[in-house]
């Protein structure tokens, strides 16, 4: 990833040996949950919640609160994990008492939400399989069940990716060529691991599970460089065969009862344009992706009975959105077949979120979806057990991007091991869930709870609504606290609830007042380094 990020910047500009931590007292106070966190401190800033074959924390939320009442769920660097507090709205006073006031604006309605999720990669599936059956069940339930954070999206790799134990495709026996895909066959990674786990996720989910597929590389014989990695493109004579490959994948999974909501046209198409790129990739230009989607992929899915499967284009970094979308949507065939625009977060730091806003208004009928993000990429330390900073980066990204018309946010691997793998290319990273197979344990990182503050309370079909912030008195803020480090985003849900997520990046607590003209106001002290979801009807 370091090579990729460095190259992107250039383009734009011209646990081995982990020792188990010490258990600490439950910091959740009077948390009202189905089962509280079993915290463990590794001395890295915050705690992880330890789960095993017999115990895992879980969250129970009420179906509906009486009018005028609210619940506030809180997670913090200090150790809170979905701590629940409740109260009553009061009649607004003439002056707000908090240092900062957030005011809801229901008249401003923005995008509908698709949802939140993570990726069932080969690595994630292998790690889940390394646990005992009861621990596997608790891990999957933590993500997808009603007593978990209720992800409703799952991405998976079509063929091999870097988070596989080996590079492979579904037609490796086709050399020197197999344009009719007579040798096409799902891999053991699919049949033994991913398909069984995805079926379990579907069965335990109360919400519809939206499956998203992405391919990293075509078979070697289809490519100009004859390899899964490095500088290589799809040979034009195999444009149709590659589209048929997608259709076969969808048919094989469909035969197992797993029907996909969407596929992306290519995972990070810029990677395969980088000489020496070190893991699975295939290069495209915007013109090439336009031609293939419009002339091959879209018509083929339609002809093979997969017209209900949505196509997301780009699936790459934010700074390149304008050039790619302008080219792709210059063709009416792509306008017809492509439903959305997929984005990855890795170099958001060198671009403005205004790019998202501009793209939305340029192509308002094409939704924006963040489809991959992770912490711990090279040259960072890969796995940090208990990192609050990484949780904060996730929460901030969700608020920033969804405040600019993004409809959902998908994390990368659902589960990794203590080294941040397995990964055949040694491209290790962090994950919201880390598996310790030797101890038959898994650890829920702060990142897990950061995403849960959105996924649990903001279901499919929610609509983002307006919320504004006003600093009542800068002097009333705690010393060194900045109003610019306090964020909020609000949604109306299909269940007629209102969900508001607050993020305080300050080290110090901040007293906030929240006002809803239909309900009243409330004032709360928001601890430093914390995330909160306010929910009410």
Protein backbone atom coordinates (compact mmCIF):
# COMPACT_ATOMS: atom_id res chain seq x y z
CA UNK A 1 0.00 0.00 0.00
CA UNK A 2 2.92 2.34 0.62
CA UNK A 3 3.89 2.11 -3.05
CA UNK A 4 0.30 2.74 -4.08
CA UNK A 5 -0.15 5.76 -1.80
CA UNK A 6 3.21 7.24 -2.82
CA UNK A 7 2.36 6.84 -6.49
CA UNK A 8 -1.07 8.42 -6.06
CA UNK A 9 0.51 11.39 -4.27
CA UNK A 10 3.00 11.83 -7.10
CA UNK A 11 0.15 11.71 -9.63
CA UNK A 12 -1.85 14.29 -7.72
CA UNK A 13 1.08 16.58 -7.01
CA UNK A 14 2.94 17.05 -10.63
CA UNK A 15 1.87 -8.74 16.12
CA UNK A 16 4.24 -11.13 16.10
CA UNK A 17 4.87 -12.14 19.75
CA UNK A 18 1.84 -10.36 21.19
CA UNK A 19 1.61 -10.68 24.96
CA UNK A 20 -1.86 -10.85 26.40
CA UNK A 21 -2.88 -7.70 28.20
CA UNK A 22 -4.03 -7.23 31.75
CA UNK A 23 -7.76 -7.44 32.47
CA UNK A 24 -9.18 -4.19 33.85
CA UNK A 25 -12.36 -3.33 35.67
CA UNK A 26 -15.39 -2.78 33.46
CA UNK A 27 -15.35 0.92 32.63
CA UNK A 28 -18.86 0.98 31.25
CA UNK A 29 -20.46 2.23 34.45
CA UNK A 30 -24.17 1.57 34.56
CA UNK A 31 -24.31 0.33 31.00
CA UNK A 32 -27.62 -1.20 30.04
CA UNK A 33 -26.80 -3.86 27.49
CA UNK A 34 -27.55 -7.50 26.93
CA UNK A 35 -23.98 -8.39 27.95
CA UNK A 36 -21.26 -5.86 28.84
CA UNK A 37 -17.76 -5.66 27.41
CA UNK A 38 -15.06 -7.84 29.01
CA UNK A 39 -12.26 -5.27 28.68
CA UNK A 40 -8.55 -5.91 28.37
CA UNK A 41 -5.88 -3.22 28.30
CA UNK A 42 -2.82 -3.71 26.11
CA UNK A 43 -1.43 -0.30 27.01
CA UNK A 44 -2.15 1.18 23.58
CA UNK A 45 -4.58 3.94 24.53
CA UNK A 46 -7.91 2.19 25.08
CA UNK A 47 -9.26 -1.31 25.67
CA UNK A 48 -10.42 -4.19 23.54
CA UNK A 49 -13.45 -6.29 24.44
CA UNK A 50 -12.52 -9.96 24.75
CA UNK A 51 -14.79 -12.66 23.34
CA UNK A 52 -14.41 -16.43 23.39
CA UNK A 53 -16.50 -19.57 22.99
CA UNK A 54 -18.67 -18.84 26.02
CA UNK A 55 -18.90 -15.05 26.31
CA UNK A 56 -19.11 -11.98 24.12
CA UNK A 57 -20.58 -8.57 24.77
CA UNK A 58 -23.83 -7.78 22.99
CA UNK A 59 -26.14 -4.83 22.63
CA UNK A 60 -29.88 -4.73 23.15
CA UNK A 61 -31.81 -1.64 22.09
CA UNK A 62 -35.43 -0.77 22.65
CA UNK A 63 -37.94 -1.05 19.83
CA UNK A 64 -39.42 2.35 20.51
CA UNK A 65 -39.30 4.99 23.25
CA UNK A 66 -42.31 7.07 24.30
CA UNK A 67 -42.48 10.52 22.75
CA UNK A 68 -40.32 12.99 24.65
CA UNK A 69 -37.80 10.41 25.85
CA UNK A 70 -34.36 9.70 24.42
CA UNK A 71 -31.56 7.15 24.77
CA UNK A 72 -27.89 8.09 24.42
CA UNK A 73 -25.33 5.35 23.68
CA UNK A 74 -21.71 6.27 24.42
CA UNK A 75 -18.28 4.82 23.56
CA UNK A 76 -15.05 6.46 24.69
CA UNK A 77 -11.29 6.16 24.81
CA UNK A 78 -11.71 5.84 28.58
CA UNK A 79 -13.49 2.51 28.17
CA UNK A 80 -17.21 3.12 27.64
CA UNK A 81 -18.71 0.70 25.12
CA UNK A 82 -22.29 1.53 24.12
CA UNK A 83 -23.08 2.78 27.62
CA UNK A 84 -26.77 3.67 27.65
CA UNK A 85 -28.25 6.69 29.39
CA UNK A 86 -31.81 7.91 29.00
CA UNK A 87 -33.78 11.02 29.76
CA UNK A 88 -36.52 13.44 28.81
CA UNK A 89 -36.40 16.36 26.44
CA UNK A 90 -37.09 19.68 28.12
CA UNK A 91 -38.77 22.83 26.84
CA UNK A 92 -36.14 25.00 25.10
CA UNK A 93 -34.98 27.96 27.17
CA UNK A 94 -34.21 31.39 25.79
CA UNK A 95 -30.49 30.64 25.99
CA UNK A 96 -28.80 27.30 25.49
CA UNK A 97 -26.65 26.27 28.45
CA UNK A 98 -24.11 24.17 26.55
CA UNK A 99 -20.92 25.59 25.13
CA UNK A 100 -22.05 24.34 21.73
CA UNK A 101 -25.59 24.03 20.37
CA UNK A 102 -26.61 21.57 17.66
CA UNK A 103 -29.95 22.36 16.00
CA UNK A 104 -31.87 19.85 13.91
CA UNK A 105 -33.34 20.98 10.60
CA UNK A 106 -35.92 18.46 9.36
CA UNK A 107 -36.75 20.62 6.35
CA UNK A 108 -33.34 19.79 4.84
CA UNK A 109 -33.45 16.21 3.56
CA UNK A 110 -30.52 14.68 1.71
CA UNK A 111 -29.52 11.18 0.55
CA UNK A 112 -31.02 7.83 1.47
CA UNK A 113 -28.73 5.41 3.28
CA UNK A 114 -27.77 2.03 1.82
CA UNK A 115 -25.83 0.89 4.86
CA UNK A 116 -22.64 -0.23 6.55
CA UNK A 117 -20.56 -3.36 6.53
CA UNK A 118 -17.25 -5.13 6.12
CA UNK A 119 -15.55 -7.57 3.78
CA UNK A 120 -15.71 -11.35 3.98
CA UNK A 121 -12.29 -11.77 2.39
CA UNK A 122 -10.50 -15.09 2.21
CA UNK A 123 -8.35 -13.93 5.15
CA UNK A 124 -11.40 -13.04 7.23
CA UNK A 125 -12.98 -16.43 6.52
CA UNK A 126 -9.77 -18.33 7.37
CA UNK A 127 -9.51 -16.46 10.67
CA UNK A 128 -13.13 -17.15 11.57
CA UNK A 129 -12.57 -20.83 10.74
CA UNK A 130 -9.59 -20.93 13.12
CA UNK A 131 -11.94 -20.44 16.08
CA UNK A 132 -14.12 -23.05 17.74
CA UNK A 133 -17.68 -23.29 16.43
CA UNK A 134 -19.21 -21.39 19.40
CA UNK A 135 -16.65 -18.58 19.06
CA UNK A 136 -17.30 -18.40 15.31
CA UNK A 137 -21.00 -17.95 15.99
CA UNK A 138 -20.39 -15.14 18.46
CA UNK A 139 -18.06 -13.36 16.05
CA UNK A 140 -20.57 -13.48 13.20
CA UNK A 141 -23.40 -12.46 15.53
CA UNK A 142 -21.36 -9.50 16.76
CA UNK A 143 -21.47 -8.08 13.26
CA UNK A 144 -24.73 -9.25 11.69
CA UNK A 145 -27.28 -10.30 14.30
CA UNK A 146 -29.89 -8.28 16.18
CA UNK A 147 -27.76 -8.34 19.35
CA UNK A 148 -24.71 -7.15 17.40
CA UNK A 149 -24.05 -3.95 15.46
CA UNK A 150 -26.28 -5.17 12.61
CA UNK A 151 -24.12 -4.59 9.55
CA UNK A 152 -26.30 -4.93 6.45
CA UNK A 153 -23.60 -5.00 3.75
CA UNK A 154 -20.91 -7.61 3.08
CA UNK A 155 -18.28 -7.22 0.38
CA UNK A 156 -16.35 -10.21 -0.93
CA UNK A 157 -13.55 -10.80 -3.42
CA UNK A 158 -14.29 -12.37 -6.82
CA UNK A 159 -11.28 -14.65 -7.19
CA UNK A 160 -8.09 -14.01 -5.24
CA UNK A 161 -6.95 -10.76 -3.65
CA UNK A 162 -4.03 -9.76 -1.44
CA UNK A 163 -5.99 -10.94 1.62
CA UNK A 164 -5.89 -14.51 0.33
CA UNK A 165 -3.33 -17.15 1.24
CA UNK A 166 -2.32 -17.49 -2.42
CA UNK A 167 -2.87 -15.70 -5.74
CA UNK A 168 -5.50 -17.47 -7.85
CA UNK A 169 -8.44 -17.07 -10.24
CA UNK A 170 -11.43 -19.25 -11.09
CA UNK A 171 -9.89 -20.34 -14.39
CA UNK A 172 -6.21 -21.00 -13.75
CA UNK A 173 -6.40 -24.21 -15.79
CA UNK A 174 -7.24 -22.26 -18.92
CA UNK A 175 -3.65 -21.57 -20.03
CA UNK A 176 -2.81 -20.58 -22.67
CA UNK A 177 -6.44 -19.47 -23.06
CA UNK A 178 -10.00 -20.50 -22.28
CA UNK A 179 -12.28 -17.85 -23.80
CA UNK A 180 -15.35 -20.05 -23.35
CA UNK A 181 -14.47 -20.47 -19.63
CA UNK A 182 -14.86 -24.24 -19.81
CA UNK A 183 -12.56 -24.60 -16.79
CA UNK A 184 -14.31 -21.98 -14.65
CA UNK A 185 -14.72 -23.27 -11.10
CA UNK A 186 -15.13 -21.62 -7.70
CA UNK A 187 -12.17 -22.09 -5.38
CA UNK A 188 -12.02 -23.86 -2.02
CA UNK A 189 -11.88 -20.38 -0.48
CA UNK A 190 -15.45 -19.92 -1.71
CA UNK A 191 -16.97 -23.35 -1.18
CA UNK A 192 -15.33 -24.23 2.16
CA UNK A 193 -15.14 -20.83 3.80
CA UNK A 194 -16.89 -17.76 2.39
CA UNK A 195 -20.14 -19.28 1.14
CA UNK A 196 -20.91 -21.12 4.41
CA UNK A 197 -20.20 -18.01 6.49
CA UNK A 198 -22.19 -15.73 4.21
CA UNK A 199 -25.13 -18.14 4.46
CA UNK A 200 -24.92 -17.99 8.25
CA UNK A 201 -24.81 -14.21 8.14
CA UNK A 202 -27.92 -14.09 5.94
CA UNK A 203 -29.74 -16.49 8.28
CA UNK A 204 -28.97 -14.52 11.45
CA UNK A 205 -29.62 -11.06 10.00
CA UNK A 206 -32.94 -9.40 10.76
CA UNK A 207 -32.14 -6.90 8.03
CA UNK A 208 -31.61 -7.72 4.37
CA UNK A 209 -27.94 -8.48 3.70
CA UNK A 210 -26.59 -6.58 0.68
CA UNK A 211 -23.78 -8.56 -0.97
CA UNK A 212 -21.15 -6.71 -3.01
CA UNK A 213 -18.55 -8.45 -5.17
CA UNK A 214 -15.25 -7.00 -6.43
CA UNK A 215 -12.59 -8.55 -8.64
CA UNK A 216 -8.87 -7.82 -8.26
CA UNK A 217 -7.55 -9.56 -11.36
CA UNK A 218 -8.58 -11.64 -14.34
CA UNK A 219 -6.86 -14.99 -14.95
CA UNK A 220 -3.24 -14.59 -16.07
CA UNK A 221 -3.98 -15.71 -19.62
CA UNK A 222 -6.43 -12.84 -20.10
CA UNK A 223 -3.83 -10.19 -19.22
CA UNK A 224 -1.19 -8.34 -21.17
CA UNK A 225 1.59 -9.19 -18.68
CA UNK A 226 0.51 -12.78 -17.97
CA UNK A 227 0.55 -12.24 -14.22
CA UNK A 228 -1.79 -11.42 -11.33
CA UNK A 229 0.42 -8.53 -10.20
CA UNK A 230 2.34 -5.64 -11.71
CA UNK A 231 1.74 -3.52 -14.78
CA UNK A 232 -0.94 -5.37 -16.72
CA UNK A 233 -4.29 -4.85 -18.41
CA UNK A 234 -7.08 -7.03 -19.73
CA UNK A 235 -6.45 -7.99 -23.35
CA UNK A 236 -9.18 -6.55 -25.55
CA UNK A 237 -9.89 -9.93 -27.12
CA UNK A 238 -11.01 -11.10 -23.67
CA UNK A 239 -13.34 -8.21 -22.83
CA UNK A 240 -16.38 -10.43 -23.39
CA UNK A 241 -14.88 -13.45 -21.63
CA UNK A 242 -14.19 -11.29 -18.56
CA UNK A 243 -17.82 -10.12 -18.51
CA UNK A 244 -18.95 -13.75 -18.76
CA UNK A 245 -16.62 -14.56 -15.83
CA UNK A 246 -18.59 -12.13 -13.65
CA UNK A 247 -21.87 -13.66 -14.80
CA UNK A 248 -20.64 -17.17 -13.96
CA UNK A 249 -19.57 -16.02 -10.50
CA UNK A 250 -23.01 -14.56 -9.84
CA UNK A 251 -24.69 -17.73 -11.10
CA UNK A 252 -22.54 -20.02 -8.93
CA UNK A 253 -23.25 -18.00 -5.78
CA UNK A 254 -26.90 -17.70 -6.75
CA UNK A 255 -27.12 -21.48 -6.93
CA UNK A 256 -26.08 -21.45 -3.26
CA UNK A 257 -28.89 -19.03 -2.40
CA UNK A 258 -26.57 -16.01 -2.24
CA UNK A 259 -27.85 -13.31 -4.56
CA UNK A 260 -25.71 -10.22 -4.97
CA UNK A 261 -26.97 -6.68 -4.66
CA UNK A 262 -24.05 -5.25 -6.65
CA UNK A 263 -20.61 -5.73 -8.14
CA UNK A 264 -17.86 -3.22 -8.82
CA UNK A 265 -16.28 -3.03 -12.26
CA UNK A 266 -12.76 -3.46 -10.87
CA UNK A 267 -11.09 -3.08 -7.50
CA UNK A 268 -8.74 -0.08 -7.72
CA UNK A 269 -8.24 0.02 -11.49
CA UNK A 270 -5.31 2.42 -11.10
CA UNK A 271 -3.20 -0.23 -9.31
CA UNK A 272 -2.56 -2.21 -12.47
CA UNK A 273 -1.13 0.90 -14.12
CA UNK A 274 1.69 1.03 -11.54
CA UNK A 275 4.93 -0.77 -12.54
CA UNK A 276 5.91 -3.35 -9.94
CA UNK A 277 2.62 -3.23 -8.06
CA UNK A 278 2.98 -6.03 -5.54
CA UNK A 279 -0.45 -7.64 -5.18
CA UNK A 280 -3.45 -8.68 -7.30
CA UNK A 281 -4.43 -5.89 -9.69
CA UNK A 282 -5.51 -5.10 -13.23
CA UNK A 283 -5.11 -1.73 -14.88
CA UNK A 284 -7.80 0.30 -16.60
CA UNK A 285 -8.08 3.82 -17.92
CA UNK A 286 -11.41 5.62 -17.62
CA UNK A 287 -11.96 5.14 -21.37
CA UNK A 288 -11.31 1.41 -21.11
CA UNK A 289 -13.64 0.92 -18.16
CA UNK A 290 -16.29 2.96 -19.96
CA UNK A 291 -16.09 0.77 -23.06
CA UNK A 292 -16.06 -2.53 -21.15
CA UNK A 293 -18.95 -1.64 -18.83
CA UNK A 294 -21.10 -0.22 -21.64
CA UNK A 295 -20.36 -2.80 -24.31
CA UNK A 296 -19.67 -5.99 -22.34
CA UNK A 297 -20.39 -6.10 -18.61
CA UNK A 298 -23.76 -4.36 -18.59
CA UNK A 299 -25.23 -6.18 -21.61
CA UNK A 300 -23.86 -9.54 -20.43
CA UNK A 301 -25.37 -9.30 -16.94
CA UNK A 302 -28.65 -8.30 -18.57
CA UNK A 303 -28.53 -11.21 -21.02
CA UNK A 304 -27.59 -13.77 -18.35
CA UNK A 305 -30.46 -12.88 -16.02
CA UNK A 306 -28.55 -10.61 -13.66
CA UNK A 307 -30.06 -7.27 -14.62
CA UNK A 308 -31.04 -6.75 -10.98
CA UNK A 309 -27.37 -6.74 -9.95
CA UNK A 310 -26.21 -3.15 -9.73
CA UNK A 311 -22.87 -2.04 -11.18
CA UNK A 312 -20.63 0.37 -9.28
CA UNK A 313 -17.88 2.04 -11.29
CA UNK A 314 -14.52 3.56 -10.30
CA UNK A 315 -13.96 1.72 -6.94
CA UNK A 316 -10.81 3.76 -6.41
CA UNK A 317 -9.51 6.87 -4.68
CA UNK A 318 -11.45 10.10 -4.14
CA UNK A 319 -9.10 12.56 -5.90
CA UNK A 320 -9.74 10.84 -9.25
CA UNK A 321 -13.52 10.98 -9.19
CA UNK A 322 -13.99 13.90 -11.56
CA UNK A 323 -11.84 12.57 -14.40
CA UNK A 324 -13.26 9.06 -14.14
CA UNK A 325 -16.94 9.93 -13.82
CA UNK A 326 -16.81 12.53 -16.58
CA UNK A 327 -15.39 9.93 -18.95
CA UNK A 328 -17.56 7.02 -17.83
CA UNK A 329 -20.85 8.89 -17.97
CA UNK A 330 -20.10 10.44 -21.34
CA UNK A 331 -21.46 7.14 -22.72
CA UNK A 332 -25.22 6.67 -22.42
CA UNK A 333 -24.73 2.92 -22.19
CA UNK A 334 -22.74 3.35 -18.97
CA UNK A 335 -25.37 5.78 -17.72
CA UNK A 336 -27.90 3.02 -18.30
CA UNK A 337 -25.98 0.17 -16.68
CA UNK A 338 -24.07 1.80 -13.80
CA UNK A 339 -26.05 2.58 -10.67
CA UNK A 340 -23.36 3.97 -8.40
CA UNK A 341 -19.84 5.22 -7.84
CA UNK A 342 -17.56 3.35 -5.43
CA UNK A 343 -14.81 5.16 -3.51
CA UNK A 344 -11.86 4.08 -1.34
CA UNK A 345 -10.55 6.20 1.52
CA UNK A 346 -6.77 5.69 1.39
CA UNK A 347 -5.72 9.10 0.10
CA UNK A 348 -8.66 11.19 1.28
CA UNK A 349 -6.11 13.20 3.25
CA UNK A 350 -4.83 14.85 0.05
CA UNK A 351 -8.27 15.78 -1.28
CA UNK A 352 -11.31 17.72 -0.15
CA UNK A 353 -14.67 16.07 0.59
CA UNK A 354 -16.09 18.78 -1.66
CA UNK A 355 -15.18 16.42 -4.52
CA UNK A 356 -17.98 14.15 -3.31
CA UNK A 357 -20.44 17.02 -3.19
CA UNK A 358 -19.48 18.13 -6.69
CA UNK A 359 -19.75 14.58 -8.06
CA UNK A 360 -23.20 14.16 -6.56
CA UNK A 361 -24.56 17.31 -8.16
CA UNK A 362 -22.91 16.46 -11.48
CA UNK A 363 -24.48 12.97 -11.48
CA UNK A 364 -27.38 13.09 -8.97
CA UNK A 365 -28.85 9.77 -10.16
CA UNK A 366 -25.65 7.84 -9.36
CA UNK A 367 -25.19 7.17 -5.66
CA UNK A 368 -21.81 7.38 -3.92
CA UNK A 369 -20.65 4.49 -1.74
CA UNK A 370 -17.42 4.11 0.25
CA UNK A 371 -16.47 0.48 -0.39
CA UNK A 372 -13.09 0.02 1.33
CA UNK A 373 -11.16 1.47 4.26
CA UNK A 374 -8.69 0.18 6.83
CA UNK A 375 -6.00 1.32 9.24
CA UNK A 376 -2.52 -0.07 9.69
CA UNK A 377 -1.35 -0.04 6.08
CA UNK A 378 2.42 0.24 5.46
CA UNK A 379 4.49 1.87 6.82
CA UNK A 380 2.30 2.01 9.97
CA UNK A 381 2.28 -0.54 12.75
CA UNK A 382 -0.24 -3.01 11.45
CA UNK A 383 -2.27 -4.22 14.44
CA UNK A 384 -2.63 -1.99 17.50
CA UNK A 385 -4.85 -3.62 20.10
CA UNK A 386 -6.91 -0.86 21.71
CA UNK A 387 -6.10 2.06 19.39
CA UNK A 388 -8.61 4.86 19.93
CA UNK A 389 -7.07 7.02 17.21
CA UNK A 390 -8.02 4.47 14.58
CA UNK A 391 -11.61 4.34 15.84
CA UNK A 392 -11.75 8.12 15.71
CA UNK A 393 -10.49 8.14 12.11
CA UNK A 394 -13.31 5.78 11.14
CA UNK A 395 -16.03 7.81 12.85
CA UNK A 396 -14.72 11.06 11.39
CA UNK A 397 -14.59 9.59 7.88
CA UNK A 398 -18.18 8.34 8.09
CA UNK A 399 -19.42 11.74 9.26
CA UNK A 400 -17.35 13.66 6.71
CA UNK A 401 -18.26 11.51 3.72
CA UNK A 402 -21.93 11.03 4.54
CA UNK A 403 -22.23 14.77 5.11
CA UNK A 404 -21.25 15.00 1.43
CA UNK A 405 -23.85 12.66 -0.09
CA UNK A 406 -22.20 9.26 0.47
CA UNK A 407 -24.85 6.58 1.03
CA UNK A 408 -22.85 4.00 2.97
CA UNK A 409 -19.45 2.96 4.29
CA UNK A 410 -17.82 -0.47 4.06
CA UNK A 411 -14.83 -1.48 6.16
CA UNK A 412 -12.19 -3.87 4.83
CA UNK A 413 -11.55 -7.29 6.47
CA UNK A 414 -14.14 -8.43 8.99
CA UNK A 415 -11.45 -10.28 10.98
CA UNK A 416 -7.67 -10.63 10.86
CA UNK A 417 -5.06 -12.41 12.99
CA UNK A 418 -2.62 -10.85 15.43
CA UNK A 419 -0.20 -9.95 12.62
CA UNK A 420 -2.90 -8.38 10.43
CA UNK A 421 -3.17 -11.26 8.00
CA UNK A 422 -3.01 -13.74 6.44
CA UNK A 423 -1.96 -11.93 3.28
CA UNK A 424 0.08 -13.71 0.64
CA UNK A 425 1.72 -10.42 -0.43
CA UNK A 426 2.49 -9.49 3.22
CA UNK A 427 0.33 -6.38 2.89
CA UNK A 428 -0.82 -6.58 6.52
CA UNK A 429 -3.32 -4.13 8.10
CA UNK A 430 -5.57 -3.74 11.15
CA UNK A 431 -9.19 -4.83 11.57
CA UNK A 432 -12.11 -4.06 13.92
CA UNK A 433 -11.93 -7.72 15.04
CA UNK A 434 -8.63 -9.46 15.71
CA UNK A 435 -8.55 -13.24 16.14
CA UNK A 436 -6.21 -15.05 18.53
CA UNK A 437 -6.73 -18.64 17.40
CA UNK A 438 -4.32 -20.11 19.95
CA UNK A 439 -6.44 -18.81 22.82
CA UNK A 440 -9.73 -19.33 20.94
CA UNK A 441 -10.44 -15.63 21.50
CA UNK A 442 -11.23 -12.62 19.40
CA UNK A 443 -10.87 -8.97 20.30
CA UNK A 444 -13.28 -6.21 19.39
CA UNK A 445 -11.24 -3.13 18.70
CA UNK A 446 -12.47 0.44 19.33
CA UNK A 447 -12.98 0.60 15.53
CA UNK A 448 -15.73 -2.02 15.87
CA UNK A 449 -17.73 0.20 18.20
CA UNK A 450 -17.07 3.36 16.19
CA UNK A 451 -18.73 1.81 13.14
CA UNK A 452 -21.44 0.27 15.30
CA UNK A 453 -22.59 3.73 16.36
CA UNK A 454 -23.74 4.15 12.76
CA UNK A 455 -24.65 0.64 11.58
CA UNK A 456 -26.78 -0.23 14.60
CA UNK A 457 -28.90 2.90 14.58
CA UNK A 458 -28.96 4.04 10.93
CA UNK A 459 -30.56 1.24 8.87
CA UNK A 460 -31.16 0.99 5.15
CA UNK A 461 -33.59 3.63 3.94
CA UNK A 462 -32.72 6.22 6.58
CA UNK A 463 -32.42 9.75 5.25
CA UNK A 464 -29.80 12.25 6.27
CA UNK A 465 -31.33 15.48 7.56
CA UNK A 466 -29.90 18.87 8.37
CA UNK A 467 -28.04 19.69 11.57
CA UNK A 468 -26.14 22.89 12.33
CA UNK A 469 -23.70 23.86 15.08
CA UNK A 470 -23.39 27.15 16.90
CA UNK A 471 -20.71 28.07 19.44
CA UNK A 472 -22.51 29.89 22.23
CA UNK A 473 -19.38 31.05 24.00
CA UNK A 474 -15.86 30.00 23.09
CA UNK A 475 -14.77 30.93 26.61
CA UNK A 476 -17.18 28.38 28.04
CA UNK A 477 -15.35 25.54 26.28
CA UNK A 478 -12.89 23.62 28.42
CA UNK A 479 -9.30 24.79 28.20
CA UNK A 480 -7.75 23.62 24.89
CA UNK A 481 -11.08 22.25 23.61
CA UNK A 482 -11.95 23.38 20.08
CA UNK A 483 -15.42 23.59 18.61
CA UNK A 484 -13.84 22.55 15.29
CA UNK A 485 -13.17 19.11 16.84
CA UNK A 486 -16.83 18.41 17.60
CA UNK A 487 -18.96 16.87 14.85
CA UNK A 488 -22.50 15.63 14.37
CA UNK A 489 -24.65 14.04 11.68
CA UNK A 490 -28.39 13.30 11.82
CA UNK A 491 -30.80 10.85 10.19
CA UNK A 492 -34.49 10.02 10.14
CA UNK A 493 -34.97 6.25 10.02
CA UNK A 494 -37.71 4.18 8.35
CA UNK A 495 -38.91 3.26 11.86
CA UNK A 496 -39.69 6.98 12.37
CA UNK A 497 -36.82 7.41 14.82
CA UNK A 498 -34.25 10.18 14.74
CA UNK A 499 -30.60 9.14 15.14
CA UNK A 500 -27.85 11.68 15.75
CA UNK A 501 -24.18 10.69 15.99
CA UNK A 502 -21.77 12.99 17.84
CA UNK A 503 -17.97 12.80 17.77
CA UNK A 504 -15.77 14.71 20.22
CA UNK A 505 -12.14 14.58 19.11
CA UNK A 506 -11.03 16.92 21.91
CA UNK A 507 -9.12 15.53 24.88
CA UNK A 508 -11.46 17.53 27.09
CA UNK A 509 -15.18 17.12 27.68
CA UNK A 510 -17.59 19.57 26.08
CA UNK A 511 -21.10 20.43 27.22
CA UNK A 512 -23.49 20.43 24.27
CA UNK A 513 -27.10 21.42 23.86
CA UNK A 514 -29.16 19.61 21.24
CA UNK A 515 -32.40 21.15 19.96
CA UNK A 516 -35.21 19.59 17.96
CA UNK A 517 -38.14 21.95 17.39
CA UNK A 518 -40.51 18.96 17.42
CA UNK A 519 -39.22 17.44 20.67
CA UNK A 520 -37.43 20.08 22.76
CA UNK A 521 -33.86 20.26 23.94
CA UNK A 522 -31.34 18.36 26.04
CA UNK A 523 -27.95 19.32 27.45
CA UNK A 524 -25.22 16.74 28.02
CA UNK A 525 -21.56 16.68 28.98
CA UNK A 526 -19.75 14.84 26.18
CA UNK A 527 -16.48 13.29 27.42
CA UNK A 528 -13.26 13.88 25.58
CA UNK A 529 -12.37 11.33 22.90
CA UNK A 530 -15.83 9.85 22.60
CA UNK A 531 -18.58 8.85 20.16
CA UNK A 532 -22.31 8.96 20.94
CA UNK A 533 -25.57 8.03 19.24
CA UNK A 534 -28.73 9.80 20.33
CA UNK A 535 -31.91 7.94 19.41
CA UNK A 536 -35.54 8.99 19.94
CA UNK A 537 -39.00 8.88 18.37
